[in-house]
Amino acid sequence: ETVRRLRVGSRDVYKLDLARAMLAPLAEPGASEGAARAVQALEDIASRVADALLRHLATLPPRTLVLVVGDHGFSVDRKGCITDGGASPEEVLVPCLAYLVADLH
């Protein structure tokens, strides 16, 4: 649940692998009822990711522009198999959100 800093040229890039880590046990071969468990886990995953991002944003100076981008999505088939990195819309289309830290005048 920790945002990791990576240096890319002169920029700081931050990475959070929480959603992937929480989905990994559900994607293991032989995981029973993977689809149902994944759907039930999504609200908790979203909440924990939001909490981790909020903690990180609180450490940044005011008026910092933050872009939150997913590297790729995932899909859950009818058999409960969770896959990522494929060509389905759920795996290719990812969110990109922009936030300006702190209040504006």
N, C-alpha and C. Protein backbone atom coordinates (compact mmCIF):
# COMPACT_ATOMS: atom_id res chain seq x y z
N GLU A 1 0.82 -1.19 0.00
CA GLU A 1 0.00 0.00 0.00
C GLU A 1 0.85 1.25 0.00
N THR A 2 2.09 1.11 -0.47
CA THR A 2 3.02 2.24 -0.49
C THR A 2 3.27 2.66 -1.93
N VAL A 3 3.22 3.96 -2.14
CA VAL A 3 3.55 4.51 -3.44
C VAL A 3 5.07 4.58 -3.54
N ARG A 4 5.62 3.97 -4.60
CA ARG A 4 7.08 3.94 -4.78
C ARG A 4 7.51 5.00 -5.78
N ARG A 5 8.63 5.67 -5.48
CA ARG A 5 9.15 6.70 -6.38
C ARG A 5 10.16 6.08 -7.34
N LEU A 6 10.01 6.41 -8.62
CA LEU A 6 10.96 6.02 -9.66
C LEU A 6 11.45 7.30 -10.32
N ARG A 7 12.71 7.39 -10.59
CA ARG A 7 13.27 8.56 -11.25
C ARG A 7 13.35 8.27 -12.74
N VAL A 8 12.72 9.11 -13.56
CA VAL A 8 12.75 8.98 -15.02
C VAL A 8 13.28 10.30 -15.57
N GLY A 9 14.55 10.29 -15.95
CA GLY A 9 15.18 11.53 -16.38
C GLY A 9 15.19 12.53 -15.24
N SER A 10 14.64 13.70 -15.48
CA SER A 10 14.57 14.73 -14.44
C SER A 10 13.24 14.71 -13.68
N ARG A 11 12.40 13.73 -13.97
CA ARG A 11 11.07 13.66 -13.36
C ARG A 11 10.97 12.54 -12.35
N ASP A 12 10.09 12.75 -11.38
CA ASP A 12 9.72 11.70 -10.45
C ASP A 12 8.44 11.05 -10.94
N VAL A 13 8.45 9.74 -11.03
CA VAL A 13 7.26 8.97 -11.39
C VAL A 13 6.98 8.07 -10.20
N TYR A 14 5.72 7.99 -9.81
CA TYR A 14 5.36 7.20 -8.64
C TYR A 14 4.52 6.01 -9.08
N LYS A 15 4.70 4.88 -8.42
CA LYS A 15 4.03 3.65 -8.82
C LYS A 15 3.35 3.02 -7.62
N LEU A 16 2.13 2.54 -7.85
CA LEU A 16 1.37 1.84 -6.82
C LEU A 16 0.88 0.53 -7.43
N ASP A 17 1.31 -0.59 -6.88
CA ASP A 17 0.96 -1.91 -7.40
C ASP A 17 -0.10 -2.61 -6.55
N LEU A 18 -0.88 -1.85 -5.81
CA LEU A 18 -1.82 -2.43 -4.86
C LEU A 18 -2.94 -3.23 -5.53
N ALA A 19 -3.55 -2.69 -6.57
CA ALA A 19 -4.67 -3.41 -7.22
C ALA A 19 -4.19 -4.74 -7.78
N ARG A 20 -3.06 -4.72 -8.43
CA ARG A 20 -2.50 -5.97 -8.99
C ARG A 20 -2.20 -6.98 -7.88
N ALA A 21 -1.63 -6.51 -6.79
CA ALA A 21 -1.29 -7.40 -5.68
C ALA A 21 -2.55 -8.01 -5.05
N MET A 22 -3.62 -7.24 -4.97
CA MET A 22 -4.85 -7.74 -4.37
C MET A 22 -5.59 -8.70 -5.31
N LEU A 23 -5.42 -8.52 -6.62
CA LEU A 23 -6.08 -9.40 -7.59
C LEU A 23 -5.30 -10.69 -7.83
N ALA A 24 -4.00 -10.67 -7.57
CA ALA A 24 -3.14 -11.83 -7.87
C ALA A 24 -3.63 -13.12 -7.25
N PRO A 25 -4.01 -13.17 -5.96
CA PRO A 25 -4.48 -14.44 -5.40
C PRO A 25 -5.76 -14.96 -6.06
N LEU A 26 -6.57 -14.04 -6.57
CA LEU A 26 -7.81 -14.44 -7.22
C LEU A 26 -7.57 -14.97 -8.62
N ALA A 27 -6.43 -14.62 -9.21
CA ALA A 27 -6.11 -15.02 -10.58
C ALA A 27 -5.33 -16.33 -10.65
N GLU A 28 -4.96 -16.87 -9.51
CA GLU A 28 -4.17 -18.10 -9.51
C GLU A 28 -4.96 -19.25 -10.10
N PRO A 29 -4.32 -20.12 -10.86
CA PRO A 29 -5.02 -21.28 -11.41
C PRO A 29 -5.62 -22.11 -10.28
N GLY A 30 -6.85 -22.49 -10.47
CA GLY A 30 -7.53 -23.30 -9.47
C GLY A 30 -8.22 -22.48 -8.39
N ALA A 31 -8.13 -21.15 -8.47
CA ALA A 31 -8.83 -20.32 -7.48
C ALA A 31 -10.32 -20.50 -7.70
N SER A 32 -11.01 -21.01 -6.71
CA SER A 32 -12.43 -21.28 -6.86
C SER A 32 -13.24 -20.00 -6.89
N GLU A 33 -14.23 -19.98 -7.75
CA GLU A 33 -15.15 -18.85 -7.89
C GLU A 33 -14.41 -17.53 -8.04
N GLY A 34 -13.39 -17.53 -8.90
CA GLY A 34 -12.57 -16.34 -9.09
C GLY A 34 -13.34 -15.12 -9.51
N ALA A 35 -14.30 -15.27 -10.44
CA ALA A 35 -15.06 -14.12 -10.93
C ALA A 35 -15.88 -13.50 -9.82
N ALA A 36 -16.59 -14.32 -9.07
CA ALA A 36 -17.43 -13.80 -7.98
C ALA A 36 -16.56 -13.13 -6.93
N ARG A 37 -15.45 -13.74 -6.59
CA ARG A 37 -14.56 -13.17 -5.58
C ARG A 37 -13.94 -11.88 -6.08
N ALA A 38 -13.60 -11.81 -7.36
CA ALA A 38 -13.01 -10.59 -7.92
C ALA A 38 -14.01 -9.45 -7.87
N VAL A 39 -15.25 -9.72 -8.26
CA VAL A 39 -16.28 -8.68 -8.25
C VAL A 39 -16.52 -8.19 -6.82
N GLN A 40 -16.58 -9.11 -5.87
CA GLN A 40 -16.78 -8.72 -4.48
C GLN A 40 -15.59 -7.92 -3.95
N ALA A 41 -14.40 -8.20 -4.45
CA ALA A 41 -13.20 -7.53 -3.96
C ALA A 41 -13.00 -6.14 -4.56
N LEU A 42 -13.67 -5.82 -5.66
CA LEU A 42 -13.42 -4.55 -6.35
C LEU A 42 -13.65 -3.33 -5.47
N GLU A 43 -14.71 -3.33 -4.68
CA GLU A 43 -14.98 -2.17 -3.83
C GLU A 43 -13.87 -1.98 -2.80
N ASP A 44 -13.41 -3.08 -2.21
CA ASP A 44 -12.32 -2.99 -1.23
C ASP A 44 -11.03 -2.55 -1.91
N ILE A 45 -10.76 -3.07 -3.09
CA ILE A 45 -9.56 -2.68 -3.84
C ILE A 45 -9.60 -1.18 -4.14
N ALA A 46 -10.74 -0.70 -4.64
CA ALA A 46 -10.88 0.72 -4.97
C ALA A 46 -10.69 1.59 -3.73
N SER A 47 -11.24 1.18 -2.63
CA SER A 47 -11.12 1.95 -1.39
C SER A 47 -9.67 2.01 -0.91
N ARG A 48 -8.98 0.89 -0.95
CA ARG A 48 -7.59 0.86 -0.49
C ARG A 48 -6.66 1.63 -1.43
N VAL A 49 -6.94 1.57 -2.74
CA VAL A 49 -6.14 2.36 -3.69
C VAL A 49 -6.37 3.85 -3.44
N ALA A 50 -7.64 4.24 -3.25
CA ALA A 50 -7.96 5.65 -2.98
C ALA A 50 -7.26 6.13 -1.70
N ASP A 51 -7.26 5.31 -0.66
CA ASP A 51 -6.60 5.68 0.59
C ASP A 51 -5.09 5.87 0.38
N ALA A 52 -4.47 4.96 -0.36
CA ALA A 52 -3.03 5.06 -0.63
C ALA A 52 -2.71 6.32 -1.44
N LEU A 53 -3.54 6.62 -2.44
CA LEU A 53 -3.32 7.82 -3.24
C LEU A 53 -3.50 9.07 -2.40
N LEU A 54 -4.51 9.09 -1.55
CA LEU A 54 -4.77 10.25 -0.70
C LEU A 54 -3.59 10.50 0.25
N ARG A 55 -3.06 9.43 0.84
CA ARG A 55 -1.89 9.59 1.71
C ARG A 55 -0.71 10.18 0.94
N HIS A 56 -0.52 9.72 -0.29
CA HIS A 56 0.59 10.23 -1.11
C HIS A 56 0.35 11.69 -1.49
N LEU A 57 -0.85 12.03 -1.93
CA LEU A 57 -1.15 13.40 -2.34
C LEU A 57 -0.96 14.38 -1.19
N ALA A 58 -1.21 13.95 0.04
CA ALA A 58 -1.06 14.81 1.21
C ALA A 58 0.41 15.20 1.44
N THR A 59 1.34 14.46 0.85
CA THR A 59 2.77 14.76 1.03
C THR A 59 3.30 15.73 -0.02
N LEU A 60 2.51 16.04 -1.03
CA LEU A 60 2.97 16.87 -2.14
C LEU A 60 2.70 18.35 -1.87
N PRO A 61 3.53 19.24 -2.42
CA PRO A 61 3.30 20.68 -2.22
C PRO A 61 2.04 21.14 -2.95
N PRO A 62 1.42 22.23 -2.46
CA PRO A 62 0.23 22.77 -3.13
C PRO A 62 0.51 23.09 -4.60
N ARG A 63 -0.53 22.99 -5.38
CA ARG A 63 -0.53 23.29 -6.82
C ARG A 63 0.34 22.33 -7.63
N THR A 64 0.58 21.13 -7.11
CA THR A 64 1.26 20.09 -7.87
C THR A 64 0.24 19.40 -8.76
N LEU A 65 0.54 19.31 -10.04
CA LEU A 65 -0.33 18.59 -10.97
C LEU A 65 0.03 17.11 -10.91
N VAL A 66 -0.96 16.28 -10.65
CA VAL A 66 -0.75 14.84 -10.54
C VAL A 66 -1.59 14.14 -11.60
N LEU A 67 -0.95 13.28 -12.38
CA LEU A 67 -1.66 12.45 -13.34
C LEU A 67 -1.67 11.02 -12.81
N VAL A 68 -2.86 10.44 -12.73
CA VAL A 68 -2.99 9.05 -12.28
C VAL A 68 -3.40 8.24 -13.51
N VAL A 69 -2.53 7.29 -13.89
CA VAL A 69 -2.73 6.53 -15.11
C VAL A 69 -2.54 5.04 -14.80
N GLY A 70 -3.42 4.21 -15.33
CA GLY A 70 -3.24 2.77 -15.22
C GLY A 70 -2.35 2.29 -16.35
N ASP A 71 -1.53 1.27 -16.08
CA ASP A 71 -0.68 0.76 -17.16
C ASP A 71 -1.45 -0.16 -18.09
N HIS A 72 -2.40 -0.91 -17.54
CA HIS A 72 -3.35 -1.70 -18.34
C HIS A 72 -4.42 -2.21 -17.41
N GLY A 73 -5.51 -2.69 -17.99
CA GLY A 73 -6.60 -3.20 -17.17
C GLY A 73 -6.55 -4.71 -17.06
N PHE A 74 -7.68 -5.29 -16.68
CA PHE A 74 -7.79 -6.74 -16.56
C PHE A 74 -9.21 -7.13 -16.93
N SER A 75 -9.41 -8.42 -17.16
CA SER A 75 -10.76 -8.92 -17.43
C SER A 75 -10.98 -10.20 -16.64
N VAL A 76 -12.26 -10.47 -16.38
CA VAL A 76 -12.65 -11.69 -15.67
C VAL A 76 -13.63 -12.42 -16.59
N ASP A 77 -13.27 -13.65 -17.01
CA ASP A 77 -14.17 -14.39 -17.89
C ASP A 77 -15.23 -15.14 -17.07
N ARG A 78 -16.12 -15.82 -17.76
CA ARG A 78 -17.23 -16.52 -17.09
C ARG A 78 -16.77 -17.66 -16.19
N LYS A 79 -15.59 -18.19 -16.46
CA LYS A 79 -15.05 -19.27 -15.64
C LYS A 79 -14.30 -18.75 -14.42
N GLY A 80 -14.18 -17.42 -14.33
CA GLY A 80 -13.50 -16.83 -13.19
C GLY A 80 -12.03 -16.59 -13.39
N CYS A 81 -11.54 -16.78 -14.62
CA CYS A 81 -10.13 -16.54 -14.89
C CYS A 81 -9.90 -15.04 -15.06
N ILE A 82 -8.94 -14.52 -14.33
CA ILE A 82 -8.58 -13.11 -14.41
C ILE A 82 -7.34 -13.02 -15.29
N THR A 83 -7.43 -12.20 -16.33
CA THR A 83 -6.29 -12.02 -17.23
C THR A 83 -5.97 -10.54 -17.35
N ASP A 84 -4.73 -10.25 -17.69
CA ASP A 84 -4.35 -8.87 -17.96
C ASP A 84 -3.33 -8.86 -19.09
N GLY A 85 -3.25 -7.71 -19.73
CA GLY A 85 -2.30 -7.58 -20.83
C GLY A 85 -2.81 -8.11 -22.15
N GLY A 86 -4.08 -8.45 -22.23
CA GLY A 86 -4.68 -8.95 -23.48
C GLY A 86 -5.19 -7.83 -24.34
N ALA A 87 -6.04 -8.19 -25.31
CA ALA A 87 -6.52 -7.22 -26.28
C ALA A 87 -7.98 -6.81 -26.06
N SER A 88 -8.62 -7.29 -25.00
CA SER A 88 -10.02 -6.91 -24.77
C SER A 88 -10.09 -5.44 -24.35
N PRO A 89 -11.25 -4.78 -24.58
CA PRO A 89 -11.37 -3.37 -24.17
C PRO A 89 -11.06 -3.15 -22.69
N GLU A 90 -11.43 -4.09 -21.83
CA GLU A 90 -11.17 -3.95 -20.41
C GLU A 90 -9.68 -3.96 -20.09
N GLU A 91 -8.88 -4.58 -20.97
CA GLU A 91 -7.44 -4.69 -20.73
C GLU A 91 -6.64 -3.61 -21.46
N VAL A 92 -7.26 -2.96 -22.45
CA VAL A 92 -6.56 -1.98 -23.25
C VAL A 92 -6.91 -0.54 -22.84
N LEU A 93 -8.18 -0.28 -22.58
CA LEU A 93 -8.61 1.06 -22.19
C LEU A 93 -8.37 1.25 -20.70
N VAL A 94 -7.61 2.25 -20.35
CA VAL A 94 -7.26 2.47 -18.95
C VAL A 94 -7.59 3.90 -18.56
N PRO A 95 -7.80 4.12 -17.27
CA PRO A 95 -8.14 5.48 -16.83
C PRO A 95 -6.93 6.40 -16.84
N CYS A 96 -7.20 7.67 -17.01
CA CYS A 96 -6.19 8.71 -16.86
C CYS A 96 -6.91 9.88 -16.19
N LEU A 97 -6.51 10.19 -14.97
CA LEU A 97 -7.14 11.27 -14.21
C LEU A 97 -6.09 12.30 -13.86
N ALA A 98 -6.50 13.58 -13.83
CA ALA A 98 -5.58 14.66 -13.45
C ALA A 98 -6.13 15.35 -12.22
N TYR A 99 -5.26 15.62 -11.26
CA TYR A 99 -5.63 16.29 -10.02
C TYR A 99 -4.65 17.43 -9.78
N LEU A 100 -5.15 18.53 -9.23
CA LEU A 100 -4.30 19.62 -8.79
C LEU A 100 -4.36 19.59 -7.27
N VAL A 101 -3.22 19.38 -6.63
CA VAL A 101 -3.16 19.21 -5.19
C VAL A 101 -3.47 20.53 -4.49
N ALA A 102 -4.32 20.49 -3.47
CA ALA A 102 -4.69 21.59 -2.58
C ALA A 102 -5.72 22.51 -3.23
N ASP A 103 -6.10 23.51 -2.48
CA ASP A 103 -7.14 24.44 -2.92
C ASP A 103 -6.58 25.47 -3.89
N LEU A 104 -7.44 25.94 -4.75
CA LEU A 104 -7.10 27.05 -5.66
C LEU A 104 -7.72 28.32 -5.11
N HIS A 105 -7.17 29.45 -5.48
CA HIS A 105 -7.75 30.71 -5.04
C HIS A 105 -8.71 31.24 -6.06
